[in-house]
Amino acid sequence: MHDFGRNPDGVTRVRAPNPSVLTLDGTNSYVVGRWVVDPGPADADHVAAVRAAATEGVEGVVLTHGHADHAEGADLYGAPVHKPGERERAGPFVALATPGHSPDSVCLMWDERVCFTGDTVLGSGSVFIAPGEGSLSAYLGSLRRLRSLSLEVLCPGHGPYVWDPAAKLDEYIAHRLDREQRLISALDAGLRTHDELLDAAWSDAPAELRYFAGLSLASHLEKLAEEGRLPEGMEG
């Protein structure tokens, strides 16, 4: 699924020096011709690296969403910054609304079969859906929308290129539904407290990710509440 030595024709990836638990090995910025996708943090070395990759200069900057690790440096290129909505064009890209990770998340289609996914799909690991801002229901809908397309490669906001988009999207959808079923089984068994549910449904979460797993639990409970599937007297 991942080919670390292969790049889509016409696409240059520049990884920002901001590794973390959530950003993996750093935010991916991309250069396509004279356009920059997700310029990343306002880090001088990263901006210089992106500029160096854009050998013909920067005509425009386009964002998949507004989170700082993707968008903070947007104004540092002296070019118009585009935040396209559903089916809107920005330079060579067409945006598809893919809410879930954030309300403003879009994926950017280029050359019909190349898709820049921001934080909707990562090259490895799963996407963080924060309760309140994010929506698991919307996210699953966005994954299914992408799955319906004939895509050659995903260019994610973090991690390596994905050269088998259908398999990755099937994996992502199955992962969310499996996690939901684990949670429902825990609720059916009478578990109710945050820690009980977390231990039962996220038993595989490493210690350093337990806090974020707890937020994911809250997002799943929000979804079940929206659907009227929580036990009586329990709130999402």
C-alpha atoms as a PDB file:
ATOM      1  CA  MET A   1       0.000   0.000   0.000  1.00  0.00           C
ATOM      2  CA  HIS A   2       2.869   2.345   0.763  1.00  0.00           C
ATOM      3  CA  ASP A   3       5.757   2.887  -1.635  1.00  0.00           C
ATOM      4  CA  PHE A   4       8.201   5.217   0.079  1.00  0.00           C
ATOM      5  CA  GLY A   5      10.341   5.661  -3.043  1.00  0.00           C
ATOM      6  CA  ARG A   6       7.548   6.576  -5.436  1.00  0.00           C
ATOM      7  CA  ASN A   7       6.018   9.995  -6.025  1.00  0.00           C
ATOM      8  CA  PRO A   8       3.003  10.892  -8.168  1.00  0.00           C
ATOM      9  CA  ASP A   9       4.077  12.593 -11.380  1.00  0.00           C
ATOM     10  CA  GLY A  10       4.031  16.359 -10.970  1.00  0.00           C
ATOM     11  CA  VAL A  11       3.798  16.281  -7.163  1.00  0.00           C
ATOM     12  CA  THR A  12       6.591  17.210  -4.742  1.00  0.00           C
ATOM     13  CA  ARG A  13       6.187  16.522  -1.032  1.00  0.00           C
ATOM     14  CA  VAL A  14       7.960  18.633   1.594  1.00  0.00           C
ATOM     15  CA  ARG A  15       7.686  17.368   5.168  1.00  0.00           C
ATOM     16  CA  ALA A  16       7.559  19.958   7.950  1.00  0.00           C
ATOM     17  CA  PRO A  17       9.794  19.548  11.026  1.00  0.00           C
ATOM     18  CA  ASN A  18       6.852  19.213  13.433  1.00  0.00           C
ATOM     19  CA  PRO A  19       6.672  15.526  14.395  1.00  0.00           C
ATOM     20  CA  SER A  20       4.336  14.567  17.238  1.00  0.00           C
ATOM     21  CA  VAL A  21       1.884  11.907  18.340  1.00  0.00           C
ATOM     22  CA  LEU A  22      -0.811  13.469  16.143  1.00  0.00           C
ATOM     23  CA  THR A  23       1.288  14.764  13.219  1.00  0.00           C
ATOM     24  CA  LEU A  24       3.291  11.514  12.871  1.00  0.00           C
ATOM     25  CA  ASP A  25       6.625  12.387  11.220  1.00  0.00           C
ATOM     26  CA  GLY A  26       5.436  15.901  10.375  1.00  0.00           C
ATOM     27  CA  THR A  27       2.933  17.742   8.209  1.00  0.00           C
ATOM     28  CA  ASN A  28       3.145  17.116   4.476  1.00  0.00           C
ATOM     29  CA  SER A  29       3.137  20.199   2.278  1.00  0.00           C
ATOM     30  CA  TYR A  30       2.855  19.630  -1.451  1.00  0.00           C
ATOM     31  CA  VAL A  31       3.977  21.576  -4.489  1.00  0.00           C
ATOM     32  CA  VAL A  32       2.103  21.083  -7.759  1.00  0.00           C
ATOM     33  CA  GLY A  33       3.415  23.399 -10.442  1.00  0.00           C
ATOM     34  CA  ARG A  34       3.107  26.911  -9.003  1.00  0.00           C
ATOM     35  CA  TRP A  35       0.671  25.887  -6.264  1.00  0.00           C
ATOM     36  CA  VAL A  36       1.246  24.888  -2.636  1.00  0.00           C
ATOM     37  CA  VAL A  37      -1.168  22.540  -0.860  1.00  0.00           C
ATOM     38  CA  ASP A  38      -1.210  22.893   2.953  1.00  0.00           C
ATOM     39  CA  PRO A  39       1.820  25.144   3.546  1.00  0.00           C
ATOM     40  CA  GLY A  40       2.189  23.842   7.094  1.00  0.00           C
ATOM     41  CA  PRO A  41       3.597  25.636  10.131  1.00  0.00           C
ATOM     42  CA  ALA A  42       5.194  29.089  10.078  1.00  0.00           C
ATOM     43  CA  ASP A  43       8.662  27.579  10.322  1.00  0.00           C
ATOM     44  CA  ALA A  44      11.357  29.476   8.428  1.00  0.00           C
ATOM     45  CA  ASP A  45      13.246  26.367   7.324  1.00  0.00           C
ATOM     46  CA  HIS A  46      10.056  24.697   6.114  1.00  0.00           C
ATOM     47  CA  VAL A  47       8.941  27.779   4.194  1.00  0.00           C
ATOM     48  CA  ALA A  48      12.368  27.921   2.554  1.00  0.00           C
ATOM     49  CA  ALA A  49      12.163  24.232   1.616  1.00  0.00           C
ATOM     50  CA  VAL A  50       8.707  24.670   0.073  1.00  0.00           C
ATOM     51  CA  ARG A  51       9.879  27.721  -1.859  1.00  0.00           C
ATOM     52  CA  ALA A  52      12.876  25.768  -3.126  1.00  0.00           C
ATOM     53  CA  ALA A  53      10.569  22.983  -4.337  1.00  0.00           C
ATOM     54  CA  ALA A  54       8.386  25.521  -6.156  1.00  0.00           C
ATOM     55  CA  THR A  55      11.020  26.210  -8.778  1.00  0.00           C
ATOM     56  CA  GLU A  56       8.680  28.368 -10.890  1.00  0.00           C
ATOM     57  CA  GLY A  57       7.478  30.451  -7.938  1.00  0.00           C
ATOM     58  CA  VAL A  58       4.224  30.304  -5.961  1.00  0.00           C
ATOM     59  CA  GLU A  59       1.051  31.471  -7.688  1.00  0.00           C
ATOM     60  CA  GLY A  60      -1.398  30.296  -5.039  1.00  0.00           C
ATOM     61  CA  VAL A  61      -1.791  28.465  -1.733  1.00  0.00           C
ATOM     62  CA  VAL A  62      -4.713  26.118  -1.094  1.00  0.00           C
ATOM     63  CA  LEU A  63      -5.808  24.594   2.227  1.00  0.00           C
ATOM     64  CA  THR A  64      -7.499  21.297   3.041  1.00  0.00           C
ATOM     65  CA  HIS A  65      -8.600  22.744   6.403  1.00  0.00           C
ATOM     66  CA  GLY A  66      -7.667  25.458   8.842  1.00  0.00           C
ATOM     67  CA  HIS A  67      -5.738  23.643  11.583  1.00  0.00           C
ATOM     68  CA  ALA A  68      -2.457  25.376  12.400  1.00  0.00           C
ATOM     69  CA  ASP A  69      -0.164  22.483  11.520  1.00  0.00           C
ATOM     70  CA  HIS A  70      -1.488  22.733   7.946  1.00  0.00           C
ATOM     71  CA  ALA A  71      -2.349  26.407   7.540  1.00  0.00           C
ATOM     72  CA  GLU A  72      -0.253  28.554   9.884  1.00  0.00           C
ATOM     73  CA  GLY A  73       2.311  29.471   7.225  1.00  0.00           C
ATOM     74  CA  ALA A  74      -0.232  30.249   4.506  1.00  0.00           C
ATOM     75  CA  ASP A  75       0.419  33.991   4.416  1.00  0.00           C
ATOM     76  CA  LEU A  76       4.202  33.665   4.154  1.00  0.00           C
ATOM     77  CA  TYR A  77       4.356  32.970   0.413  1.00  0.00           C
ATOM     78  CA  GLY A  78       3.109  36.298  -0.910  1.00  0.00           C
ATOM     79  CA  ALA A  79       0.365  34.556  -2.882  1.00  0.00           C
ATOM     80  CA  PRO A  80      -3.437  34.348  -2.596  1.00  0.00           C
ATOM     81  CA  VAL A  81      -4.678  31.808  -0.049  1.00  0.00           C
ATOM     82  CA  HIS A  82      -7.651  29.699  -1.122  1.00  0.00           C
ATOM     83  CA  LYS A  83     -10.069  27.832   1.154  1.00  0.00           C
ATOM     84  CA  PRO A  84     -12.382  26.224  -1.396  1.00  0.00           C
ATOM     85  CA  GLY A  85     -15.737  24.676  -0.584  1.00  0.00           C
ATOM     86  CA  GLU A  86     -17.680  21.909  -2.285  1.00  0.00           C
ATOM     87  CA  ARG A  87     -16.905  21.689  -6.013  1.00  0.00           C
ATOM     88  CA  GLU A  88     -15.094  25.024  -5.975  1.00  0.00           C
ATOM     89  CA  ARG A  89     -11.910  25.379  -7.988  1.00  0.00           C
ATOM     90  CA  ALA A  90      -8.596  26.684  -6.707  1.00  0.00           C
ATOM     91  CA  GLY A  91      -6.028  26.743  -9.464  1.00  0.00           C
ATOM     92  CA  PRO A  92      -5.720  23.179 -10.797  1.00  0.00           C
ATOM     93  CA  PHE A  93      -7.681  21.647  -7.903  1.00  0.00           C
ATOM     94  CA  VAL A  94     -11.358  20.864  -7.337  1.00  0.00           C
ATOM     95  CA  ALA A  95     -12.518  20.621  -3.722  1.00  0.00           C
ATOM     96  CA  LEU A  96     -14.746  17.885  -2.340  1.00  0.00           C
ATOM     97  CA  ALA A  97     -16.322  18.629   1.036  1.00  0.00           C
ATOM     98  CA  THR A  98     -15.210  15.905   3.457  1.00  0.00           C
ATOM     99  CA  PRO A  99     -16.221  17.085   6.945  1.00  0.00           C
ATOM    100  CA  GLY A 100     -15.522  14.953   9.981  1.00  0.00           C
ATOM    101  CA  HIS A 101     -12.018  15.686  11.233  1.00  0.00           C
ATOM    102  CA  SER A 102     -13.109  19.329  11.128  1.00  0.00           C
ATOM    103  CA  PRO A 103     -16.210  21.043   9.730  1.00  0.00           C
ATOM    104  CA  ASP A 104     -14.168  22.783   7.021  1.00  0.00           C
ATOM    105  CA  SER A 105     -12.206  19.759   5.798  1.00  0.00           C
ATOM    106  CA  VAL A 106     -12.016  19.268   2.052  1.00  0.00           C
ATOM    107  CA  CYS A 107     -10.110  16.893  -0.174  1.00  0.00           C
ATOM    108  CA  LEU A 108      -8.509  18.360  -3.268  1.00  0.00           C
ATOM    109  CA  MET A 109      -8.788  16.496  -6.552  1.00  0.00           C
ATOM    110  CA  TRP A 110      -6.055  17.013  -9.117  1.00  0.00           C
ATOM    111  CA  ASP A 111      -5.853  15.379 -12.509  1.00  0.00           C
ATOM    112  CA  GLU A 112      -9.004  13.379 -11.622  1.00  0.00           C
ATOM    113  CA  ARG A 113      -7.262  10.472  -9.863  1.00  0.00           C
ATOM    114  CA  VAL A 114      -4.876  12.206  -7.431  1.00  0.00           C
ATOM    115  CA  CYS A 115      -6.456  13.277  -4.141  1.00  0.00           C
ATOM    116  CA  PHE A 116      -4.898  15.493  -1.452  1.00  0.00           C
ATOM    117  CA  THR A 117      -6.667  14.380   1.720  1.00  0.00           C
ATOM    118  CA  GLY A 118      -5.342  16.635   4.490  1.00  0.00           C
ATOM    119  CA  ASP A 119      -6.376  15.006   7.761  1.00  0.00           C
ATOM    120  CA  THR A 120      -9.294  13.050   6.303  1.00  0.00           C
ATOM    121  CA  VAL A 121      -7.004  10.115   5.474  1.00  0.00           C
ATOM    122  CA  LEU A 122      -3.456   9.664   6.773  1.00  0.00           C
ATOM    123  CA  GLY A 123      -0.666   7.581   5.322  1.00  0.00           C
ATOM    124  CA  SER A 124      -0.498   5.524   8.507  1.00  0.00           C
ATOM    125  CA  GLY A 125      -2.516   5.274  11.698  1.00  0.00           C
ATOM    126  CA  SER A 126      -6.021   6.631  12.146  1.00  0.00           C
ATOM    127  CA  VAL A 127      -7.478  10.135  12.107  1.00  0.00           C
ATOM    128  CA  PHE A 128      -8.281  11.977  15.339  1.00  0.00           C
ATOM    129  CA  ILE A 129     -11.914  13.081  15.592  1.00  0.00           C
ATOM    130  CA  ALA A 130     -12.340  15.529  18.489  1.00  0.00           C
ATOM    131  CA  PRO A 131     -15.747  15.707  20.166  1.00  0.00           C
ATOM    132  CA  GLY A 132     -17.568  18.946  19.504  1.00  0.00           C
ATOM    133  CA  GLU A 133     -15.486  20.174  16.576  1.00  0.00           C
ATOM    134  CA  GLY A 134     -15.370  16.856  14.760  1.00  0.00           C
ATOM    135  CA  SER A 135     -18.219  14.571  13.754  1.00  0.00           C
ATOM    136  CA  LEU A 136     -17.846  10.833  13.456  1.00  0.00           C
ATOM    137  CA  SER A 137     -21.104  10.532  11.514  1.00  0.00           C
ATOM    138  CA  ALA A 138     -19.922  13.107   8.983  1.00  0.00           C
ATOM    139  CA  TYR A 139     -16.494  11.487   8.863  1.00  0.00           C
ATOM    140  CA  LEU A 140     -17.855   8.076   7.916  1.00  0.00           C
ATOM    141  CA  GLY A 141     -19.913   9.729   5.197  1.00  0.00           C
ATOM    142  CA  SER A 142     -16.784  11.431   3.873  1.00  0.00           C
ATOM    143  CA  LEU A 143     -14.840   8.162   3.817  1.00  0.00           C
ATOM    144  CA  ARG A 144     -17.642   6.476   1.906  1.00  0.00           C
ATOM    145  CA  ARG A 145     -17.726   9.353  -0.554  1.00  0.00           C
ATOM    146  CA  LEU A 146     -14.020   8.956  -1.272  1.00  0.00           C
ATOM    147  CA  ARG A 147     -14.436   5.185  -1.534  1.00  0.00           C
ATOM    148  CA  SER A 148     -16.937   5.668  -4.347  1.00  0.00           C
ATOM    149  CA  LEU A 149     -14.311   7.397  -6.500  1.00  0.00           C
ATOM    150  CA  SER A 150     -11.746   5.789  -8.803  1.00  0.00           C
ATOM    151  CA  LEU A 151      -8.554   7.163  -7.279  1.00  0.00           C
ATOM    152  CA  GLU A 152      -4.973   6.295  -8.121  1.00  0.00           C
ATOM    153  CA  VAL A 153      -3.199   7.759  -5.102  1.00  0.00           C
ATOM    154  CA  LEU A 154      -3.924   9.643  -1.893  1.00  0.00           C
ATOM    155  CA  CYS A 155      -1.547  12.419  -0.840  1.00  0.00           C
ATOM    156  CA  PRO A 156      -2.191  12.634   2.913  1.00  0.00           C
ATOM    157  CA  GLY A 157      -1.539  15.426   5.373  1.00  0.00           C
ATOM    158  CA  HIS A 158       0.742  13.133   7.376  1.00  0.00           C
ATOM    159  CA  GLY A 159       2.572   9.931   6.515  1.00  0.00           C
ATOM    160  CA  PRO A 160       3.429   8.273   3.192  1.00  0.00           C
ATOM    161  CA  TYR A 161       1.499   8.287  -0.063  1.00  0.00           C
ATOM    162  CA  VAL A 162      -1.304   5.727  -0.284  1.00  0.00           C
ATOM    163  CA  TRP A 163      -1.132   3.842  -3.587  1.00  0.00           C
ATOM    164  CA  ASP A 164      -4.129   1.591  -2.923  1.00  0.00           C
ATOM    165  CA  PRO A 165      -6.823   4.096  -1.945  1.00  0.00           C
ATOM    166  CA  ALA A 166      -9.692   1.593  -2.032  1.00  0.00           C
ATOM    167  CA  ALA A 167      -7.962  -0.741   0.423  1.00  0.00           C
ATOM    168  CA  LYS A 168      -7.015   2.116   2.749  1.00  0.00           C
ATOM    169  CA  LEU A 169     -10.545   3.526   2.755  1.00  0.00           C
ATOM    170  CA  ASP A 170     -12.041   0.078   3.378  1.00  0.00           C
ATOM    171  CA  GLU A 171      -9.596  -0.287   6.274  1.00  0.00           C
ATOM    172  CA  TYR A 172     -10.555   3.112   7.699  1.00  0.00           C
ATOM    173  CA  ILE A 173     -14.295   2.438   7.504  1.00  0.00           C
ATOM    174  CA  ALA A 174     -13.933  -1.040   9.012  1.00  0.00           C
ATOM    175  CA  HIS A 175     -11.774   0.332  11.829  1.00  0.00           C
ATOM    176  CA  ARG A 176     -14.410   2.884  12.860  1.00  0.00           C
ATOM    177  CA  LEU A 177     -17.266   0.395  12.683  1.00  0.00           C
ATOM    178  CA  ASP A 178     -15.283  -2.200  14.643  1.00  0.00           C
ATOM    179  CA  ARG A 179     -14.511   0.359  17.343  1.00  0.00           C
ATOM    180  CA  GLU A 180     -18.183   1.311  17.494  1.00  0.00           C
ATOM    181  CA  GLN A 181     -19.187  -2.330  17.890  1.00  0.00           C
ATOM    182  CA  ARG A 182     -16.690  -2.779  20.725  1.00  0.00           C
ATOM    183  CA  LEU A 183     -18.216   0.224  22.456  1.00  0.00           C
ATOM    184  CA  ILE A 184     -21.770  -1.046  21.960  1.00  0.00           C
ATOM    185  CA  SER A 185     -20.751  -4.437  23.376  1.00  0.00           C
ATOM    186  CA  ALA A 186     -19.278  -2.710  26.429  1.00  0.00           C
ATOM    187  CA  LEU A 187     -22.480  -0.702  26.919  1.00  0.00           C
ATOM    188  CA  ASP A 188     -24.585  -3.849  26.508  1.00  0.00           C
ATOM    189  CA  ALA A 189     -22.455  -5.455  29.234  1.00  0.00           C
ATOM    190  CA  GLY A 190     -23.470  -2.658  31.610  1.00  0.00           C
ATOM    191  CA  LEU A 191     -20.254  -0.644  31.564  1.00  0.00           C
ATOM    192  CA  ARG A 192     -20.895   3.078  31.954  1.00  0.00           C
ATOM    193  CA  THR A 193     -17.938   5.057  33.299  1.00  0.00           C
ATOM    194  CA  HIS A 194     -15.388   6.712  31.033  1.00  0.00           C
ATOM    195  CA  ASP A 195     -12.541   4.478  32.204  1.00  0.00           C
ATOM    196  CA  GLU A 196     -14.607   1.291  31.985  1.00  0.00           C
ATOM    197  CA  LEU A 197     -15.624   2.008  28.411  1.00  0.00           C
ATOM    198  CA  LEU A 198     -12.128   3.126  27.436  1.00  0.00           C
ATOM    199  CA  ASP A 199     -10.525  -0.001  28.880  1.00  0.00           C
ATOM    200  CA  ALA A 200     -13.047  -2.235  27.125  1.00  0.00           C
ATOM    201  CA  ALA A 201     -13.222  -0.636  23.682  1.00  0.00           C
ATOM    202  CA  TRP A 202      -9.729   0.916  23.422  1.00  0.00           C
ATOM    203  CA  SER A 203      -7.733  -1.774  25.210  1.00  0.00           C
ATOM    204  CA  ASP A 204      -5.173  -1.650  22.389  1.00  0.00           C
ATOM    205  CA  ALA A 205      -4.428   2.075  22.781  1.00  0.00           C
ATOM    206  CA  PRO A 206      -0.823   2.776  23.881  1.00  0.00           C
ATOM    207  CA  ALA A 207      -0.403   4.735  27.107  1.00  0.00           C
ATOM    208  CA  GLU A 208       0.793   7.851  25.271  1.00  0.00           C
ATOM    209  CA  LEU A 209      -2.432   7.878  23.226  1.00  0.00           C
ATOM    210  CA  ARG A 210      -4.875   7.166  26.059  1.00  0.00           C
ATOM    211  CA  TYR A 211      -5.916  10.816  26.407  1.00  0.00           C
ATOM    212  CA  PHE A 212      -6.739  11.024  22.702  1.00  0.00           C
ATOM    213  CA  ALA A 213      -8.466   7.641  22.838  1.00  0.00           C
ATOM    214  CA  GLY A 214     -10.670   9.131  25.551  1.00  0.00           C
ATOM    215  CA  LEU A 215     -11.621  11.982  23.237  1.00  0.00           C
ATOM    216  CA  SER A 216     -12.366   9.462  20.491  1.00  0.00           C
ATOM    217  CA  LEU A 217     -14.611   7.642  22.947  1.00  0.00           C
ATOM    218  CA  ALA A 218     -16.516  10.885  23.481  1.00  0.00           C
ATOM    219  CA  SER A 219     -16.924  11.278  19.711  1.00  0.00           C
ATOM    220  CA  HIS A 220     -18.323   7.768  19.408  1.00  0.00           C
ATOM    221  CA  LEU A 221     -20.755   8.440  22.249  1.00  0.00           C
ATOM    222  CA  GLU A 222     -21.851  11.638  20.479  1.00  0.00           C
ATOM    223  CA  LYS A 223     -22.596   9.626  17.343  1.00  0.00           C
ATOM    224  CA  LEU A 224     -24.598   7.007  19.232  1.00  0.00           C
ATOM    225  CA  ALA A 225     -26.527   9.774  20.998  1.00  0.00           C
ATOM    226  CA  GLU A 226     -27.347  11.433  17.657  1.00  0.00           C
ATOM    227  CA  GLU A 227     -28.696   8.105  16.430  1.00  0.00           C
ATOM    228  CA  GLY A 228     -30.685   7.375  19.592  1.00  0.00           C
ATOM    229  CA  ARG A 229     -28.609   4.280  20.329  1.00  0.00           C
ATOM    230  CA  LEU A 230     -27.349   5.050  23.846  1.00  0.00           C
ATOM    231  CA  PRO A 231     -28.788   3.171  26.830  1.00  0.00           C
ATOM    232  CA  GLU A 232     -31.666   4.922  28.580  1.00  0.00           C
ATOM    233  CA  GLY A 233     -30.526   7.673  30.924  1.00  0.00           C
ATOM    234  CA  MET A 234     -27.064   7.963  29.376  1.00  0.00           C
ATOM    235  CA  GLU A 235     -25.957  11.091  27.536  1.00  0.00           C
ATOM    236  CA  GLY A 236     -23.332  11.391  24.806  1.00  0.00           C
END
